[in-house]
PDB file of N, CA and C in Angstrom:
ATOM      1  N   MET A   1     -14.027  -9.066 -80.557  1.00  0.00           N
ATOM      2  CA  MET A   1     -13.186  -9.098 -79.887  1.00  0.00           C
ATOM      3  C   MET A   1     -12.762 -10.231 -79.329  1.00  0.00           C
ATOM      4  N   THR A   2     -13.371 -10.858 -78.765  1.00  0.00           N
ATOM      5  CA  THR A   2     -13.185 -11.403 -77.593  1.00  0.00           C
ATOM      6  C   THR A   2     -13.585 -13.311 -78.373  1.00  0.00           C
ATOM      7  N   GLN A   3     -14.378 -13.156 -79.796  1.00  0.00           N
ATOM      8  CA  GLN A   3     -13.911 -14.078 -80.246  1.00  0.00           C
ATOM      9  C   GLN A   3     -12.527 -14.511 -81.075  1.00  0.00           C
ATOM     10  N   VAL A   4     -12.322 -13.332 -81.137  1.00  0.00           N
ATOM     11  CA  VAL A   4     -10.851 -13.279 -81.902  1.00  0.00           C
ATOM     12  C   VAL A   4      -9.843 -13.784 -81.037  1.00  0.00           C
ATOM     13  N   LEU A   5      -9.891 -13.027 -79.318  1.00  0.00           N
ATOM     14  CA  LEU A   5      -9.027 -13.807 -78.541  1.00  0.00           C
ATOM     15  C   LEU A   5      -8.705 -15.085 -78.418  1.00  0.00           C
ATOM     16  N   MET A   6     -10.215 -15.771 -77.946  1.00  0.00           N
ATOM     17  CA  MET A   6     -10.147 -16.973 -77.432  1.00  0.00           C
ATOM     18  C   MET A   6     -10.013 -17.511 -78.526  1.00  0.00           C
ATOM     19  N   ILE A   7     -10.158 -17.391 -80.099  1.00  0.00           N
ATOM     20  CA  ILE A   7      -9.825 -18.254 -80.860  1.00  0.00           C
ATOM     21  C   ILE A   7      -7.881 -18.627 -80.783  1.00  0.00           C
ATOM     22  N   SER A   8      -7.151 -17.245 -80.403  1.00  0.00           N
ATOM     23  CA  SER A   8      -6.069 -17.116 -80.679  1.00  0.00           C
ATOM     24  C   SER A   8      -5.119 -18.306 -79.122  1.00  0.00           C
ATOM     25  N   ILE A   9      -6.231 -18.007 -78.121  1.00  0.00           N
ATOM     26  CA  ILE A   9      -5.732 -18.438 -76.723  1.00  0.00           C
ATOM     27  C   ILE A   9      -6.461 -20.372 -77.257  1.00  0.00           C
ATOM     28  N   PHE A  10      -7.207 -20.358 -77.570  1.00  0.00           N
ATOM     29  CA  PHE A  10      -7.483 -22.493 -78.043  1.00  0.00           C
ATOM     30  C   PHE A  10      -6.738 -22.605 -78.863  1.00  0.00           C
ATOM     31  N   GLY A  11      -6.592 -21.874 -79.885  1.00  0.00           N
ATOM     32  CA  GLY A  11      -5.584 -22.380 -80.920  1.00  0.00           C
ATOM     33  C   GLY A  11      -4.313 -22.932 -80.368  1.00  0.00           C
ATOM     34  N   GLN A  12      -3.413 -22.225 -78.926  1.00  0.00           N
ATOM     35  CA  GLN A  12      -2.295 -22.967 -78.940  1.00  0.00           C
ATOM     36  C   GLN A  12      -2.589 -24.315 -77.676  1.00  0.00           C
ATOM     37  N   PHE A  13      -3.992 -24.656 -77.647  1.00  0.00           N
ATOM     38  CA  PHE A  13      -4.104 -25.818 -77.434  1.00  0.00           C
ATOM     39  C   PHE A  13      -4.218 -26.925 -77.844  1.00  0.00           C
ATOM     40  N   SER A  14      -4.555 -26.814 -79.810  1.00  0.00           N
ATOM     41  CA  SER A  14      -4.699 -27.682 -80.083  1.00  0.00           C
ATOM     42  C   SER A  14      -3.398 -28.433 -80.796  1.00  0.00           C
ATOM     43  N   GLY A  15      -2.865 -28.278 -80.696  1.00  0.00           N
ATOM     44  CA  GLY A  15      -0.964 -28.907 -80.477  1.00  0.00           C
ATOM     45  C   GLY A  15      -0.513 -28.315 -81.389  1.00  0.00           C
ATOM     46  N   ASN A  16       0.051 -27.562 -81.557  1.00  0.00           N
ATOM     47  CA  ASN A  16       0.443 -26.958 -82.585  1.00  0.00           C
ATOM     48  C   ASN A  16       2.548 -27.050 -82.410  1.00  0.00           C
ATOM     49  N   GLY A  17       2.485 -27.383 -80.975  1.00  0.00           N
ATOM     50  CA  GLY A  17       3.832 -27.212 -80.844  1.00  0.00           C
ATOM     51  C   GLY A  17       4.131 -28.716 -80.645  1.00  0.00           C
ATOM     52  N   LEU A  18       3.430 -29.726 -81.061  1.00  0.00           N
ATOM     53  CA  LEU A  18       3.289 -31.142 -80.885  1.00  0.00           C
ATOM     54  C   LEU A  18       4.517 -31.696 -82.327  1.00  0.00           C
ATOM     55  N   GLY A  19       4.615 -31.127 -83.283  1.00  0.00           N
ATOM     56  CA  GLY A  19       5.668 -31.726 -84.321  1.00  0.00           C
ATOM     57  C   GLY A  19       7.429 -31.409 -83.407  1.00  0.00           C
ATOM     58  N   TYR A  20       7.392 -30.491 -82.401  1.00  0.00           N
ATOM     59  CA  TYR A  20       8.736 -30.573 -81.978  1.00  0.00           C
ATOM     60  C   TYR A  20       9.203 -31.986 -81.364  1.00  0.00           C
ATOM     61  N   TYR A  21       7.667 -32.753 -80.851  1.00  0.00           N
ATOM     62  CA  TYR A  21       8.096 -34.117 -80.142  1.00  0.00           C
ATOM     63  C   TYR A  21       8.077 -35.183 -81.059  1.00  0.00           C
ATOM     64  N   ASN A  22       7.601 -35.332 -83.066  1.00  0.00           N
ATOM     65  CA  ASN A  22       7.422 -36.412 -83.513  1.00  0.00           C
ATOM     66  C   ASN A  22       8.171 -37.594 -83.507  1.00  0.00           C
ATOM     67  N   SER A  23       9.589 -36.833 -83.190  1.00  0.00           N
ATOM     68  CA  SER A  23      10.550 -38.132 -83.024  1.00  0.00           C
ATOM     69  C   SER A  23      10.564 -38.819 -82.007  1.00  0.00           C
ATOM     70  N   LYS A  24      10.230 -38.053 -81.045  1.00  0.00           N
ATOM     71  CA  LYS A  24      10.280 -39.078 -80.035  1.00  0.00           C
ATOM     72  C   LYS A  24       8.315 -39.502 -79.982  1.00  0.00           C
ATOM     73  N   ILE A  25       7.396 -39.082 -80.498  1.00  0.00           N
ATOM     74  CA  ILE A  25       6.303 -39.988 -80.202  1.00  0.00           C
ATOM     75  C   ILE A  25       6.507 -41.314 -81.302  1.00  0.00           C
ATOM     76  N   PHE A  26       7.322 -41.397 -82.505  1.00  0.00           N
ATOM     77  CA  PHE A  26       7.387 -42.075 -83.423  1.00  0.00           C
ATOM     78  C   PHE A  26       7.998 -43.147 -82.751  1.00  0.00           C
ATOM     79  N   ASP A  27       9.572 -42.548 -81.926  1.00  0.00           N
ATOM     80  CA  ASP A  27       9.941 -43.998 -81.127  1.00  0.00           C
ATOM     81  C   ASP A  27       8.854 -44.814 -79.838  1.00  0.00           C
ATOM     82  N   ASP A  28       8.147 -44.250 -79.696  1.00  0.00           N
ATOM     83  CA  ASP A  28       7.609 -44.662 -78.645  1.00  0.00           C
ATOM     84  C   ASP A  28       6.498 -45.241 -78.962  1.00  0.00           C
ATOM     85  N   ILE A  29       6.052 -45.191 -80.615  1.00  0.00           N
ATOM     86  CA  ILE A  29       4.991 -46.276 -80.734  1.00  0.00           C
ATOM     87  C   ILE A  29       5.592 -47.105 -81.789  1.00  0.00           C
ATOM     88  N   GLY A  30       7.151 -46.888 -81.994  1.00  0.00           N
ATOM     89  CA  GLY A  30       7.630 -48.485 -82.634  1.00  0.00           C
ATOM     90  C   GLY A  30       8.234 -47.920 -83.984  1.00  0.00           C
ATOM     91  N   ILE A  31       7.714 -46.832 -84.371  1.00  0.00           N
ATOM     92  CA  ILE A  31       8.529 -46.122 -85.514  1.00  0.00           C
ATOM     93  C   ILE A  31       9.952 -45.754 -85.310  1.00  0.00           C
ATOM     94  N   THR A  32      11.018 -46.580 -85.671  1.00  0.00           N
ATOM     95  CA  THR A  32      12.312 -46.278 -85.169  1.00  0.00           C
ATOM     96  C   THR A  32      13.455 -46.095 -86.525  1.00  0.00           C
ATOM     97  N   THR A  33      13.121 -46.064 -87.639  1.00  0.00           N
ATOM     98  CA  THR A  33      13.282 -45.813 -89.253  1.00  0.00           C
ATOM     99  C   THR A  33      13.266 -44.380 -89.158  1.00  0.00           C
ATOM    100  N   ALA A  34      14.289 -43.703 -89.622  1.00  0.00           N
ATOM    101  CA  ALA A  34      14.284 -42.832 -90.413  1.00  0.00           C
ATOM    102  C   ALA A  34      13.734 -42.553 -91.570  1.00  0.00           C
ATOM    103  N   PRO A  35      13.268 -43.436 -92.532  1.00  0.00           N
ATOM    104  CA  PRO A  35      12.581 -43.613 -93.414  1.00  0.00           C
ATOM    105  C   PRO A  35      11.032 -43.320 -93.272  1.00  0.00           C
ATOM    106  N   GLY A  36      11.084 -44.651 -91.831  1.00  0.00           N
ATOM    107  CA  GLY A  36       9.340 -44.826 -91.426  1.00  0.00           C
ATOM    108  C   GLY A  36       9.024 -43.731 -90.919  1.00  0.00           C
ATOM    109  N   GLN A  37      10.034 -42.218 -90.260  1.00  0.00           N
ATOM    110  CA  GLN A  37       9.462 -41.868 -89.556  1.00  0.00           C
ATOM    111  C   GLN A  37       8.886 -40.279 -90.433  1.00  0.00           C
ATOM    112  N   LEU A  38      10.008 -40.175 -91.439  1.00  0.00           N
ATOM    113  CA  LEU A  38       9.681 -39.382 -92.545  1.00  0.00           C
ATOM    114  C   LEU A  38       8.255 -39.381 -93.363  1.00  0.00           C
ATOM    115  N   ALA A  39       8.050 -40.658 -93.606  1.00  0.00           N
ATOM    116  CA  ALA A  39       6.842 -41.444 -94.008  1.00  0.00           C
ATOM    117  C   ALA A  39       5.535 -40.866 -93.151  1.00  0.00           C
ATOM    118  N   TYR A  40       5.790 -40.517 -92.374  1.00  0.00           N
ATOM    119  CA  TYR A  40       4.522 -40.643 -91.132  1.00  0.00           C
ATOM    120  C   TYR A  40       4.446 -39.090 -90.957  1.00  0.00           C
ATOM    121  N   ASN A  41       5.719 -38.315 -90.996  1.00  0.00           N
ATOM    122  CA  ASN A  41       5.882 -36.617 -91.243  1.00  0.00           C
ATOM    123  C   ASN A  41       4.807 -36.279 -92.488  1.00  0.00           C
ATOM    124  N   ILE A  42       5.323 -37.014 -93.614  1.00  0.00           N
ATOM    125  CA  ILE A  42       4.837 -36.624 -94.911  1.00  0.00           C
ATOM    126  C   ILE A  42       3.539 -36.945 -95.070  1.00  0.00           C
ATOM    127  N   LEU A  43       2.908 -38.075 -94.152  1.00  0.00           N
ATOM    128  CA  LEU A  43       1.248 -37.964 -94.051  1.00  0.00           C
ATOM    129  C   LEU A  43       0.716 -36.848 -93.412  1.00  0.00           C
ATOM    130  N   SER A  44       1.172 -36.778 -92.187  1.00  0.00           N
ATOM    131  CA  SER A  44       1.020 -35.803 -91.007  1.00  0.00           C
ATOM    132  C   SER A  44       0.726 -34.270 -92.273  1.00  0.00           C
ATOM    133  N   ILE A  45       1.474 -33.733 -92.607  1.00  0.00           N
ATOM    134  CA  ILE A  45       1.522 -33.020 -93.265  1.00  0.00           C
ATOM    135  C   ILE A  45       0.326 -32.957 -94.410  1.00  0.00           C
ATOM    136  N   CYS A  46       0.067 -34.050 -95.278  1.00  0.00           N
ATOM    137  CA  CYS A  46      -0.867 -33.812 -96.307  1.00  0.00           C
ATOM    138  C   CYS A  46      -1.857 -33.944 -95.480  1.00  0.00           C
ATOM    139  N   CYS A  47      -2.104 -34.853 -94.495  1.00  0.00           N
ATOM    140  CA  CYS A  47      -3.603 -34.854 -93.611  1.00  0.00           C
ATOM    141  C   CYS A  47      -3.725 -33.213 -93.352  1.00  0.00           C
ATOM    142  N   GLN A  48      -2.709 -32.511 -93.029  1.00  0.00           N
ATOM    143  CA  GLN A  48      -3.784 -31.112 -92.436  1.00  0.00           C
ATOM    144  C   GLN A  48      -3.564 -30.350 -93.523  1.00  0.00           C
ATOM    145  N   ALA A  49      -2.902 -30.098 -95.155  1.00  0.00           N
ATOM    146  CA  ALA A  49      -2.832 -29.339 -95.619  1.00  0.00           C
ATOM    147  C   ALA A  49      -4.197 -29.876 -96.451  1.00  0.00           C
ATOM    148  N   ILE A  50      -4.862 -31.105 -96.485  1.00  0.00           N
ATOM    149  CA  ILE A  50      -6.280 -31.148 -96.877  1.00  0.00           C
ATOM    150  C   ILE A  50      -7.365 -30.794 -95.897  1.00  0.00           C
ATOM    151  N   GLY A  51      -6.889 -30.685 -94.435  1.00  0.00           N
ATOM    152  CA  GLY A  51      -8.043 -30.362 -93.299  1.00  0.00           C
ATOM    153  C   GLY A  51      -8.058 -28.937 -93.595  1.00  0.00           C
ATOM    154  N   GLY A  52      -6.885 -27.933 -93.659  1.00  0.00           N
ATOM    155  CA  GLY A  52      -6.558 -26.641 -94.504  1.00  0.00           C
ATOM    156  C   GLY A  52      -7.484 -26.082 -95.286  1.00  0.00           C
ATOM    157  N   MET A  53      -7.318 -27.116 -96.316  1.00  0.00           N
ATOM    158  CA  MET A  53      -8.343 -26.812 -97.468  1.00  0.00           C
ATOM    159  C   MET A  53      -9.812 -27.095 -97.611  1.00  0.00           C
ATOM    160  N   THR A  54      -9.646 -27.418 -96.754  1.00  0.00           N
ATOM    161  CA  THR A  54     -11.265 -27.998 -96.851  1.00  0.00           C
ATOM    162  C   THR A  54     -12.167 -26.927 -95.657  1.00  0.00           C
ATOM    163  N   GLY A  55     -11.430 -26.600 -94.444  1.00  0.00           N
ATOM    164  CA  GLY A  55     -11.629 -25.716 -93.867  1.00  0.00           C
ATOM    165  C   GLY A  55     -11.847 -23.851 -95.053  1.00  0.00           C
ATOM    166  N   MET A  56     -11.104 -23.980 -95.546  1.00  0.00           N
ATOM    167  CA  MET A  56     -10.595 -22.765 -96.631  1.00  0.00           C
ATOM    168  C   MET A  56     -11.651 -22.891 -97.446  1.00  0.00           C
ATOM    169  N   THR A  57     -12.233 -23.766 -97.639  1.00  0.00           N
ATOM    170  CA  THR A  57     -13.419 -23.454 -99.000  1.00  0.00           C
ATOM    171  C   THR A  57     -14.587 -23.784 -98.542  1.00  0.00           C
ATOM    172  N   LEU A  58     -14.405 -23.945 -97.516  1.00  0.00           N
ATOM    173  CA  LEU A  58     -15.736 -23.887 -96.562  1.00  0.00           C
ATOM    174  C   LEU A  58     -16.227 -22.852 -95.666  1.00  0.00           C
ATOM    175  N   THR A  59     -15.335 -22.225 -95.448  1.00  0.00           N
ATOM    176  CA  THR A  59     -15.315 -20.615 -94.627  1.00  0.00           C
ATOM    177  C   THR A  59     -16.110 -19.350 -95.168  1.00  0.00           C
ATOM    178  N   ASP A  60     -16.712 -19.543 -96.431  1.00  0.00           N
ATOM    179  CA  ASP A  60     -17.726 -18.612 -96.471  1.00  0.00           C
ATOM    180  C   ASP A  60     -18.873 -19.545 -96.566  1.00  0.00           C
ATOM    181  N   LYS A  61     -18.881 -20.720 -96.705  1.00  0.00           N
ATOM    182  CA  LYS A  61     -20.458 -21.127 -96.890  1.00  0.00           C
ATOM    183  C   LYS A  61     -21.269 -21.404 -95.510  1.00  0.00           C
ATOM    184  N   MET A  62     -20.467 -21.322 -94.413  1.00  0.00           N
ATOM    185  CA  MET A  62     -21.335 -22.160 -93.464  1.00  0.00           C
ATOM    186  C   MET A  62     -21.146 -20.355 -92.733  1.00  0.00           C
ATOM    187  N   PRO A  63     -22.610 -20.397 -91.863  1.00  0.00           N
ATOM    188  CA  PRO A  63     -22.109 -19.281 -90.624  1.00  0.00           C
ATOM    189  C   PRO A  63     -21.263 -19.258 -89.989  1.00  0.00           C
ATOM    190  N   ARG A  64     -20.528 -18.278 -89.603  1.00  0.00           N
ATOM    191  CA  ARG A  64     -19.481 -18.304 -88.993  1.00  0.00           C
ATOM    192  C   ARG A  64     -19.918 -18.712 -87.450  1.00  0.00           C
ATOM    193  N   ARG A  65     -20.851 -17.919 -86.514  1.00  0.00           N
ATOM    194  CA  ARG A  65     -21.124 -17.715 -85.788  1.00  0.00           C
ATOM    195  C   ARG A  65     -21.433 -19.447 -84.863  1.00  0.00           C
ATOM    196  N   LYS A  66     -22.143 -20.428 -85.751  1.00  0.00           N
ATOM    197  CA  LYS A  66     -22.808 -21.521 -85.419  1.00  0.00           C
ATOM    198  C   LYS A  66     -21.318 -22.257 -85.327  1.00  0.00           C
ATOM    199  N   VAL A  67     -20.435 -22.362 -86.515  1.00  0.00           N
ATOM    200  CA  VAL A  67     -19.026 -22.775 -86.734  1.00  0.00           C
ATOM    201  C   VAL A  67     -17.959 -22.930 -85.428  1.00  0.00           C
ATOM    202  N   LEU A  68     -18.287 -21.632 -84.842  1.00  0.00           N
ATOM    203  CA  LEU A  68     -17.555 -20.891 -83.829  1.00  0.00           C
ATOM    204  C   LEU A  68     -17.943 -21.494 -82.365  1.00  0.00           C
ATOM    205  N   VAL A  69     -19.105 -21.871 -82.318  1.00  0.00           N
ATOM    206  CA  VAL A  69     -19.842 -22.554 -80.992  1.00  0.00           C
ATOM    207  C   VAL A  69     -20.170 -24.151 -81.015  1.00  0.00           C
ATOM    208  N   ILE A  70     -19.960 -24.619 -82.770  1.00  0.00           N
ATOM    209  CA  ILE A  70     -20.117 -25.606 -82.836  1.00  0.00           C
ATOM    210  C   ILE A  70     -18.185 -26.411 -82.474  1.00  0.00           C
ATOM    211  N   GLY A  71     -17.630 -25.826 -83.104  1.00  0.00           N
ATOM    212  CA  GLY A  71     -15.904 -25.917 -82.931  1.00  0.00           C
ATOM    213  C   GLY A  71     -15.699 -26.025 -81.709  1.00  0.00           C
ATOM    214  N   THR A  72     -16.076 -24.651 -80.706  1.00  0.00           N
ATOM    215  CA  THR A  72     -15.478 -24.776 -79.443  1.00  0.00           C
ATOM    216  C   THR A  72     -15.752 -25.981 -78.543  1.00  0.00           C
ATOM    217  N   PHE A  73     -17.517 -26.133 -78.945  1.00  0.00           N
ATOM    218  CA  PHE A  73     -17.548 -27.637 -78.112  1.00  0.00           C
ATOM    219  C   PHE A  73     -16.945 -28.452 -78.301  1.00  0.00           C
ATOM    220  N   SER A  74     -17.169 -28.876 -79.510  1.00  0.00           N
ATOM    221  CA  SER A  74     -16.827 -30.297 -79.876  1.00  0.00           C
ATOM    222  C   SER A  74     -15.229 -30.853 -79.836  1.00  0.00           C
ATOM    223  N   LYS A  75     -14.443 -30.100 -79.190  1.00  0.00           N
ATOM    224  CA  LYS A  75     -13.049 -30.005 -78.815  1.00  0.00           C
ATOM    225  C   LYS A  75     -12.957 -31.263 -77.348  1.00  0.00           C
ATOM    226  N   TYR A  76     -14.071 -30.914 -76.736  1.00  0.00           N
ATOM    227  CA  TYR A  76     -14.366 -31.430 -75.581  1.00  0.00           C
ATOM    228  C   TYR A  76     -14.911 -32.454 -76.025  1.00  0.00           C
TER     229      TYR A  76
END
């Protein structure tokens, strides 16, 4: 139960709400056109999908406890 709670809590610190500020972030790094920002948004979504599918396929092949410990400490 503690692990489930900690995953939920730390999941909120992983940048989930950052998408709301993408236009401001893109403006700050010099991408000001709408097509440019759209392209970076699509690229971001594709990278997230690839990462999610990779994690989904490896879930049953890796020991859960080891993955949780490594994942927790690799963020920092």
